[in-house]
Amino acid sequence: MKPFFAYMLRCSDRSYYVGHTDDLESRIAAHQHGAVPGYTSTRRPVFLVWQQAFGTRSEALETERQVKGWGRAKKEALIAGD
């Protein structure tokens, strides 16, 4: 079974973008090349700073939504593994 991922990118302006996907490598490349319209397309380059694998898309999406609601300090604690 193919895993799904929740992930976080650090953008060039030091902001964070949180998303989910079933193909992490391709999705990060798409963000990096500006192929994903929206937030990251004007904040390149982006860097993958956190990822977590899940068994279902709904689990990855739930985590994405949760992390999006967090403040900067909590996101940075997650990145640091705290």
PDB file of N, CA and C in Angstrom:
ATOM      1  N   MET A   1       0.830  -1.178   0.000  1.00  0.00           N
ATOM      2  CA  MET A   1       0.000   0.000   0.000  1.00  0.00           C
ATOM      3  C   MET A   1       0.882   1.251   0.000  1.00  0.00           C
ATOM      4  N   LYS A   2       0.547   2.161  -0.859  1.00  0.00           N
ATOM      5  CA  LYS A   2       1.329   3.400  -1.008  1.00  0.00           C
ATOM      6  C   LYS A   2       1.010   4.360   0.137  1.00  0.00           C
ATOM      7  N   PRO A   3       2.042   4.919   0.799  1.00  0.00           N
ATOM      8  CA  PRO A   3       1.780   5.847   1.907  1.00  0.00           C
ATOM      9  C   PRO A   3       1.375   7.233   1.414  1.00  0.00           C
ATOM     10  N   PHE A   4       0.753   7.965   2.301  1.00  0.00           N
ATOM     11  CA  PHE A   4       0.433   9.374   2.099  1.00  0.00           C
ATOM     12  C   PHE A   4       1.287  10.160   3.081  1.00  0.00           C
ATOM     13  N   PHE A   5       1.597  11.396   2.732  1.00  0.00           N
ATOM     14  CA  PHE A   5       2.485  12.205   3.559  1.00  0.00           C
ATOM     15  C   PHE A   5       1.866  13.549   3.894  1.00  0.00           C
ATOM     16  N   ALA A   6       2.071  13.989   5.125  1.00  0.00           N
ATOM     17  CA  ALA A   6       1.900  15.395   5.491  1.00  0.00           C
ATOM     18  C   ALA A   6       3.321  15.949   5.490  1.00  0.00           C
ATOM     19  N   TYR A   7       3.474  17.184   5.032  1.00  0.00           N
ATOM     20  CA  TYR A   7       4.823  17.750   4.927  1.00  0.00           C
ATOM     21  C   TYR A   7       4.799  19.242   5.187  1.00  0.00           C
ATOM     22  N   MET A   8       5.973  19.776   5.510  1.00  0.00           N
ATOM     23  CA  MET A   8       6.127  21.209   5.722  1.00  0.00           C
ATOM     24  C   MET A   8       7.353  21.692   4.962  1.00  0.00           C
ATOM     25  N   LEU A   9       7.176  22.813   4.283  1.00  0.00           N
ATOM     26  CA  LEU A   9       8.259  23.458   3.553  1.00  0.00           C
ATOM     27  C   LEU A   9       8.600  24.783   4.221  1.00  0.00           C
ATOM     28  N   ARG A  10       9.880  25.117   4.238  1.00  0.00           N
ATOM     29  CA  ARG A  10      10.304  26.473   4.610  1.00  0.00           C
ATOM     30  C   ARG A  10      10.518  27.213   3.307  1.00  0.00           C
ATOM     31  N   CYS A  11       9.856  28.334   3.160  1.00  0.00           N
ATOM     32  CA  CYS A  11       9.946  29.132   1.943  1.00  0.00           C
ATOM     33  C   CYS A  11      11.089  30.143   2.054  1.00  0.00           C
ATOM     34  N   SER A  12      11.439  30.753   0.936  1.00  0.00           N
ATOM     35  CA  SER A  12      12.558  31.697   0.902  1.00  0.00           C
ATOM     36  C   SER A  12      12.331  32.902   1.798  1.00  0.00           C
ATOM     37  N   ASP A  13      11.068  33.242   2.094  1.00  0.00           N
ATOM     38  CA  ASP A  13      10.789  34.368   2.980  1.00  0.00           C
ATOM     39  C   ASP A  13      10.694  33.924   4.448  1.00  0.00           C
ATOM     40  N   ARG A  14      11.118  32.688   4.731  1.00  0.00           N
ATOM     41  CA  ARG A  14      11.146  32.076   6.060  1.00  0.00           C
ATOM     42  C   ARG A  14       9.768  31.707   6.600  1.00  0.00           C
ATOM     43  N   SER A  15       8.749  31.796   5.758  1.00  0.00           N
ATOM     44  CA  SER A  15       7.421  31.339   6.158  1.00  0.00           C
ATOM     45  C   SER A  15       7.343  29.829   5.937  1.00  0.00           C
ATOM     46  N   TYR A  16       6.274  29.218   6.438  1.00  0.00           N
ATOM     47  CA  TYR A  16       6.092  27.776   6.303  1.00  0.00           C
ATOM     48  C   TYR A  16       4.846  27.469   5.500  1.00  0.00           C
ATOM     49  N   TYR A  17       4.938  26.419   4.712  1.00  0.00           N
ATOM     50  CA  TYR A  17       3.801  25.910   3.939  1.00  0.00           C
ATOM     51  C   TYR A  17       3.593  24.467   4.352  1.00  0.00           C
ATOM     52  N   VAL A  18       2.348  24.086   4.624  1.00  0.00           N
ATOM     53  CA  VAL A  18       2.028  22.725   5.022  1.00  0.00           C
ATOM     54  C   VAL A  18       1.085  22.131   3.986  1.00  0.00           C
ATOM     55  N   GLY A  19       1.357  20.880   3.582  1.00  0.00           N
ATOM     56  CA  GLY A  19       0.514  20.208   2.605  1.00  0.00           C
ATOM     57  C   GLY A  19       0.479  18.715   2.840  1.00  0.00           C
ATOM     58  N   HIS A  20      -0.196  18.005   1.916  1.00  0.00           N
ATOM     59  CA  HIS A  20      -0.194  16.542   1.957  1.00  0.00           C
ATOM     60  C   HIS A  20      -0.187  16.019   0.525  1.00  0.00           C
ATOM     61  N   THR A  21       0.304  14.793   0.369  1.00  0.00           N
ATOM     62  CA  THR A  21       0.444  14.207  -0.968  1.00  0.00           C
ATOM     63  C   THR A  21       0.636  12.700  -0.863  1.00  0.00           C
ATOM     64  N   ASP A  22       0.483  12.021  -1.995  1.00  0.00           N
ATOM     65  CA  ASP A  22       0.815  10.597  -2.044  1.00  0.00           C
ATOM     66  C   ASP A  22       2.110  10.358  -2.816  1.00  0.00           C
ATOM     67  N   ASP A  23       2.746  11.432  -3.291  1.00  0.00           N
ATOM     68  CA  ASP A  23       4.026  11.328  -4.001  1.00  0.00           C
ATOM     69  C   ASP A  23       4.902  12.506  -3.573  1.00  0.00           C
ATOM     70  N   LEU A  24       5.572  12.338  -2.467  1.00  0.00           N
ATOM     71  CA  LEU A  24       6.312  13.438  -1.854  1.00  0.00           C
ATOM     72  C   LEU A  24       7.396  14.004  -2.767  1.00  0.00           C
ATOM     73  N   GLU A  25       8.174  13.144  -3.380  1.00  0.00           N
ATOM     74  CA  GLU A  25       9.280  13.610  -4.228  1.00  0.00           C
ATOM     75  C   GLU A  25       8.774  14.479  -5.380  1.00  0.00           C
ATOM     76  N   SER A  26       7.742  14.026  -6.069  1.00  0.00           N
ATOM     77  CA  SER A  26       7.195  14.795  -7.192  1.00  0.00           C
ATOM     78  C   SER A  26       6.552  16.094  -6.731  1.00  0.00           C
ATOM     79  N   ARG A  27       5.878  16.041  -5.596  1.00  0.00           N
ATOM     80  CA  ARG A  27       5.201  17.233  -5.088  1.00  0.00           C
ATOM     81  C   ARG A  27       6.208  18.317  -4.697  1.00  0.00           C
ATOM     82  N   ILE A  28       7.292  17.917  -4.046  1.00  0.00           N
ATOM     83  CA  ILE A  28       8.318  18.896  -3.656  1.00  0.00           C
ATOM     84  C   ILE A  28       8.952  19.492  -4.918  1.00  0.00           C
ATOM     85  N   ALA A  29       9.230  18.653  -5.898  1.00  0.00           N
ATOM     86  CA  ALA A  29       9.799  19.146  -7.161  1.00  0.00           C
ATOM     87  C   ALA A  29       8.851  20.139  -7.832  1.00  0.00           C
ATOM     88  N   ALA A  30       7.557  19.848  -7.798  1.00  0.00           N
ATOM     89  CA  ALA A  30       6.568  20.758  -8.396  1.00  0.00           C
ATOM     90  C   ALA A  30       6.566  22.106  -7.670  1.00  0.00           C
ATOM     91  N   HIS A  31       6.613  22.076  -6.343  1.00  0.00           N
ATOM     92  CA  HIS A  31       6.710  23.332  -5.583  1.00  0.00           C
ATOM     93  C   HIS A  31       7.982  24.078  -5.975  1.00  0.00           C
ATOM     94  N   GLN A  32       9.090  23.357  -6.053  1.00  0.00           N
ATOM     95  CA  GLN A  32      10.393  23.960  -6.335  1.00  0.00           C
ATOM     96  C   GLN A  32      10.439  24.643  -7.704  1.00  0.00           C
ATOM     97  N   HIS A  33       9.697  24.088  -8.661  1.00  0.00           N
ATOM     98  CA  HIS A  33       9.714  24.629 -10.026  1.00  0.00           C
ATOM     99  C   HIS A  33       8.568  25.605 -10.300  1.00  0.00           C
ATOM    100  N   GLY A  34       7.770  25.910  -9.273  1.00  0.00           N
ATOM    101  CA  GLY A  34       6.683  26.863  -9.450  1.00  0.00           C
ATOM    102  C   GLY A  34       5.466  26.284 -10.144  1.00  0.00           C
ATOM    103  N   ALA A  35       5.384  24.959 -10.248  1.00  0.00           N
ATOM    104  CA  ALA A  35       4.272  24.308 -10.937  1.00  0.00           C
ATOM    105  C   ALA A  35       3.021  24.201 -10.069  1.00  0.00           C
ATOM    106  N   VAL A  36       3.151  24.500  -8.776  1.00  0.00           N
ATOM    107  CA  VAL A  36       1.993  24.496  -7.878  1.00  0.00           C
ATOM    108  C   VAL A  36       1.571  25.956  -7.712  1.00  0.00           C
ATOM    109  N   PRO A  37       0.437  26.329  -8.318  1.00  0.00           N
ATOM    110  CA  PRO A  37       0.023  27.729  -8.202  1.00  0.00           C
ATOM    111  C   PRO A  37      -0.313  28.077  -6.758  1.00  0.00           C
ATOM    112  N   GLY A  38      -0.110  29.337  -6.426  1.00  0.00           N
ATOM    113  CA  GLY A  38      -0.474  29.778  -5.087  1.00  0.00           C
ATOM    114  C   GLY A  38       0.716  30.169  -4.239  1.00  0.00           C
ATOM    115  N   TYR A  39       0.628  29.832  -2.966  1.00  0.00           N
ATOM    116  CA  TYR A  39       1.527  30.333  -1.937  1.00  0.00           C
ATOM    117  C   TYR A  39       3.011  30.150  -2.259  1.00  0.00           C
ATOM    118  N   THR A  40       3.430  28.939  -2.581  1.00  0.00           N
ATOM    119  CA  THR A  40       4.864  28.683  -2.742  1.00  0.00           C
ATOM    120  C   THR A  40       5.427  29.184  -4.068  1.00  0.00           C
ATOM    121  N   SER A  41       4.574  29.414  -5.043  1.00  0.00           N
ATOM    122  CA  SER A  41       5.079  29.784  -6.373  1.00  0.00           C
ATOM    123  C   SER A  41       5.841  31.110  -6.365  1.00  0.00           C
ATOM    124  N   THR A  42       5.547  31.984  -5.420  1.00  0.00           N
ATOM    125  CA  THR A  42       6.250  33.271  -5.344  1.00  0.00           C
ATOM    126  C   THR A  42       7.247  33.317  -4.185  1.00  0.00           C
ATOM    127  N   ARG A  43       7.465  32.166  -3.539  1.00  0.00           N
ATOM    128  CA  ARG A  43       8.351  32.122  -2.362  1.00  0.00           C
ATOM    129  C   ARG A  43       9.439  31.054  -2.517  1.00  0.00           C
ATOM    130  N   ARG A  44       9.891  30.858  -3.745  1.00  0.00           N
ATOM    131  CA  ARG A  44      10.927  29.858  -4.002  1.00  0.00           C
ATOM    132  C   ARG A  44      12.306  30.454  -3.816  1.00  0.00           C
ATOM    133  N   PRO A  45      13.299  29.642  -3.485  1.00  0.00           N
ATOM    134  CA  PRO A  45      13.219  28.184  -3.350  1.00  0.00           C
ATOM    135  C   PRO A  45      12.568  27.768  -2.031  1.00  0.00           C
ATOM    136  N   VAL A  46      12.072  26.535  -2.020  1.00  0.00           N
ATOM    137  CA  VAL A  46      11.472  25.963  -0.822  1.00  0.00           C
ATOM    138  C   VAL A  46      12.329  24.785  -0.367  1.00  0.00           C
ATOM    139  N   PHE A  47      12.250  24.484   0.926  1.00  0.00           N
ATOM    140  CA  PHE A  47      13.047  23.398   1.500  1.00  0.00           C
ATOM    141  C   PHE A  47      12.154  22.519   2.359  1.00  0.00           C
ATOM    142  N   LEU A  48      12.215  21.229   2.147  1.00  0.00           N
ATOM    143  CA  LEU A  48      11.454  20.285   2.961  1.00  0.00           C
ATOM    144  C   LEU A  48      12.084  20.248   4.347  1.00  0.00           C
ATOM    145  N   VAL A  49      11.280  20.580   5.382  1.00  0.00           N
ATOM    146  CA  VAL A  49      11.811  20.616   6.740  1.00  0.00           C
ATOM    147  C   VAL A  49      11.153  19.587   7.661  1.00  0.00           C
ATOM    148  N   TRP A  50      10.031  18.999   7.217  1.00  0.00           N
ATOM    149  CA  TRP A  50       9.350  17.983   8.023  1.00  0.00           C
ATOM    150  C   TRP A  50       8.443  17.160   7.127  1.00  0.00           C
ATOM    151  N   GLN A  51       8.354  15.881   7.453  1.00  0.00           N
ATOM    152  CA  GLN A  51       7.420  14.987   6.759  1.00  0.00           C
ATOM    153  C   GLN A  51       7.015  13.866   7.695  1.00  0.00           C
ATOM    154  N   GLN A  52       5.816  13.337   7.478  1.00  0.00           N
ATOM    155  CA  GLN A  52       5.353  12.178   8.237  1.00  0.00           C
ATOM    156  C   GLN A  52       4.478  11.343   7.317  1.00  0.00           C
ATOM    157  N   ALA A  53       4.688  10.033   7.330  1.00  0.00           N
ATOM    158  CA  ALA A  53       3.929   9.112   6.490  1.00  0.00           C
ATOM    159  C   ALA A  53       2.693   8.612   7.223  1.00  0.00           C
ATOM    160  N   PHE A  54       1.625   8.364   6.452  1.00  0.00           N
ATOM    161  CA  PHE A  54       0.357   7.864   6.975  1.00  0.00           C
ATOM    162  C   PHE A  54      -0.178   6.773   6.064  1.00  0.00           C
ATOM    163  N   GLY A  55      -1.044   5.946   6.611  1.00  0.00           N
ATOM    164  CA  GLY A  55      -1.641   4.866   5.839  1.00  0.00           C
ATOM    165  C   GLY A  55      -2.776   5.290   4.937  1.00  0.00           C
ATOM    166  N   THR A  56      -3.418   6.431   5.256  1.00  0.00           N
ATOM    167  CA  THR A  56      -4.551   6.898   4.453  1.00  0.00           C
ATOM    168  C   THR A  56      -4.425   8.393   4.163  1.00  0.00           C
ATOM    169  N   ARG A  57      -5.092   8.800   3.078  1.00  0.00           N
ATOM    170  CA  ARG A  57      -5.111  10.214   2.716  1.00  0.00           C
ATOM    171  C   ARG A  57      -5.800  11.033   3.809  1.00  0.00           C
ATOM    172  N   SER A  58      -6.864  10.497   4.389  1.00  0.00           N
ATOM    173  CA  SER A  58      -7.593  11.259   5.408  1.00  0.00           C
ATOM    174  C   SER A  58      -6.728  11.529   6.634  1.00  0.00           C
ATOM    175  N   GLU A  59      -5.864  10.601   7.020  1.00  0.00           N
ATOM    176  CA  GLU A  59      -4.949  10.831   8.147  1.00  0.00           C
ATOM    177  C   GLU A  59      -3.950  11.936   7.816  1.00  0.00           C
ATOM    178  N   ALA A  60      -3.414  11.904   6.597  1.00  0.00           N
ATOM    179  CA  ALA A  60      -2.453  12.935   6.178  1.00  0.00           C
ATOM    180  C   ALA A  60      -3.127  14.300   6.112  1.00  0.00           C
ATOM    181  N   LEU A  61      -4.344  14.349   5.578  1.00  0.00           N
ATOM    182  CA  LEU A  61      -5.082  15.606   5.473  1.00  0.00           C
ATOM    183  C   LEU A  61      -5.437  16.147   6.855  1.00  0.00           C
ATOM    184  N   GLU A  62      -5.831  15.273   7.761  1.00  0.00           N
ATOM    185  CA  GLU A  62      -6.153  15.694   9.127  1.00  0.00           C
ATOM    186  C   GLU A  62      -4.933  16.319   9.808  1.00  0.00           C
ATOM    187  N   THR A  63      -3.767  15.691   9.620  1.00  0.00           N
ATOM    188  CA  THR A  63      -2.532  16.232  10.197  1.00  0.00           C
ATOM    189  C   THR A  63      -2.162  17.546   9.546  1.00  0.00           C
ATOM    190  N   GLU A  64      -2.315  17.642   8.220  1.00  0.00           N
ATOM    191  CA  GLU A  64      -2.044  18.905   7.520  1.00  0.00           C
ATOM    192  C   GLU A  64      -2.879  20.027   8.129  1.00  0.00           C
ATOM    193  N   ARG A  65      -4.167  19.798   8.284  1.00  0.00           N
ATOM    194  CA  ARG A  65      -5.059  20.822   8.818  1.00  0.00           C
ATOM    195  C   ARG A  65      -4.681  21.211  10.243  1.00  0.00           C
ATOM    196  N   GLN A  66      -4.304  20.207  11.045  1.00  0.00           N
ATOM    197  CA  GLN A  66      -3.906  20.470  12.428  1.00  0.00           C
ATOM    198  C   GLN A  66      -2.661  21.356  12.476  1.00  0.00           C
ATOM    199  N   VAL A  67      -1.627  20.965  11.708  1.00  0.00           N
ATOM    200  CA  VAL A  67      -0.365  21.701  11.729  1.00  0.00           C
ATOM    201  C   VAL A  67      -0.547  23.111  11.150  1.00  0.00           C
ATOM    202  N   LYS A  68      -1.392  23.258  10.130  1.00  0.00           N
ATOM    203  CA  LYS A  68      -1.656  24.593   9.562  1.00  0.00           C
ATOM    204  C   LYS A  68      -2.196  25.550  10.607  1.00  0.00           C
ATOM    205  N   GLY A  69      -2.916  25.030  11.587  1.00  0.00           N
ATOM    206  CA  GLY A  69      -3.497  25.868  12.625  1.00  0.00           C
ATOM    207  C   GLY A  69      -2.525  26.272  13.721  1.00  0.00           C
ATOM    208  N   TRP A  70      -1.350  25.711  13.708  1.00  0.00           N
ATOM    209  CA  TRP A  70      -0.360  26.001  14.746  1.00  0.00           C
ATOM    210  C   TRP A  70       0.374  27.303  14.456  1.00  0.00           C
ATOM    211  N   GLY A  71       0.897  27.910  15.511  1.00  0.00           N
ATOM    212  CA  GLY A  71       1.741  29.087  15.376  1.00  0.00           C
ATOM    213  C   GLY A  71       3.155  28.690  14.968  1.00  0.00           C
ATOM    214  N   ARG A  72       3.941  29.692  14.679  1.00  0.00           N
ATOM    215  CA  ARG A  72       5.318  29.467  14.215  1.00  0.00           C
ATOM    216  C   ARG A  72       6.155  28.672  15.219  1.00  0.00           C
ATOM    217  N   ALA A  73       6.067  29.005  16.509  1.00  0.00           N
ATOM    218  CA  ALA A  73       6.886  28.332  17.525  1.00  0.00           C
ATOM    219  C   ALA A  73       6.574  26.838  17.587  1.00  0.00           C
ATOM    220  N   LYS A  74       5.315  26.485  17.500  1.00  0.00           N
ATOM    221  CA  LYS A  74       4.931  25.073  17.565  1.00  0.00           C
ATOM    222  C   LYS A  74       5.387  24.326  16.305  1.00  0.00           C
ATOM    223  N   LYS A  75       5.291  24.981  15.152  1.00  0.00           N
ATOM    224  CA  LYS A  75       5.785  24.368  13.906  1.00  0.00           C
ATOM    225  C   LYS A  75       7.295  24.143  13.995  1.00  0.00           C
ATOM    226  N   GLU A  76       8.024  25.107  14.534  1.00  0.00           N
ATOM    227  CA  GLU A  76       9.468  24.971  14.640  1.00  0.00           C
ATOM    228  C   GLU A  76       9.856  23.898  15.665  1.00  0.00           C
ATOM    229  N   ALA A  77       9.034  23.717  16.707  1.00  0.00           N
ATOM    230  CA  ALA A  77       9.265  22.629  17.653  1.00  0.00           C
ATOM    231  C   ALA A  77       9.071  21.279  16.972  1.00  0.00           C
ATOM    232  N   LEU A  78       8.051  21.171  16.117  1.00  0.00           N
ATOM    233  CA  LEU A  78       7.834  19.932  15.363  1.00  0.00           C
ATOM    234  C   LEU A  78       9.019  19.638  14.452  1.00  0.00           C
ATOM    235  N   ILE A  79       9.509  20.649  13.764  1.00  0.00           N
ATOM    236  CA  ILE A  79      10.672  20.491  12.872  1.00  0.00           C
ATOM    237  C   ILE A  79      11.886  20.001  13.679  1.00  0.00           C
ATOM    238  N   ALA A  80      12.052  20.557  14.880  1.00  0.00           N
ATOM    239  CA  ALA A  80      13.194  20.200  15.734  1.00  0.00           C
ATOM    240  C   ALA A  80      13.012  18.837  16.412  1.00  0.00           C
ATOM    241  N   GLY A  81      11.817  18.275  16.308  1.00  0.00           N
ATOM    242  CA  GLY A  81      11.561  16.976  16.920  1.00  0.00           C
ATOM    243  C   GLY A  81      11.149  17.058  18.363  1.00  0.00           C
ATOM    244  N   ASP A  82      10.772  18.237  18.828  1.00  0.00           N
ATOM    245  CA  ASP A  82      10.333  18.423  20.222  1.00  0.00           C
ATOM    246  C   ASP A  82       8.847  18.165  20.366  1.00  0.00           C
TER     247      ASP A  82
END
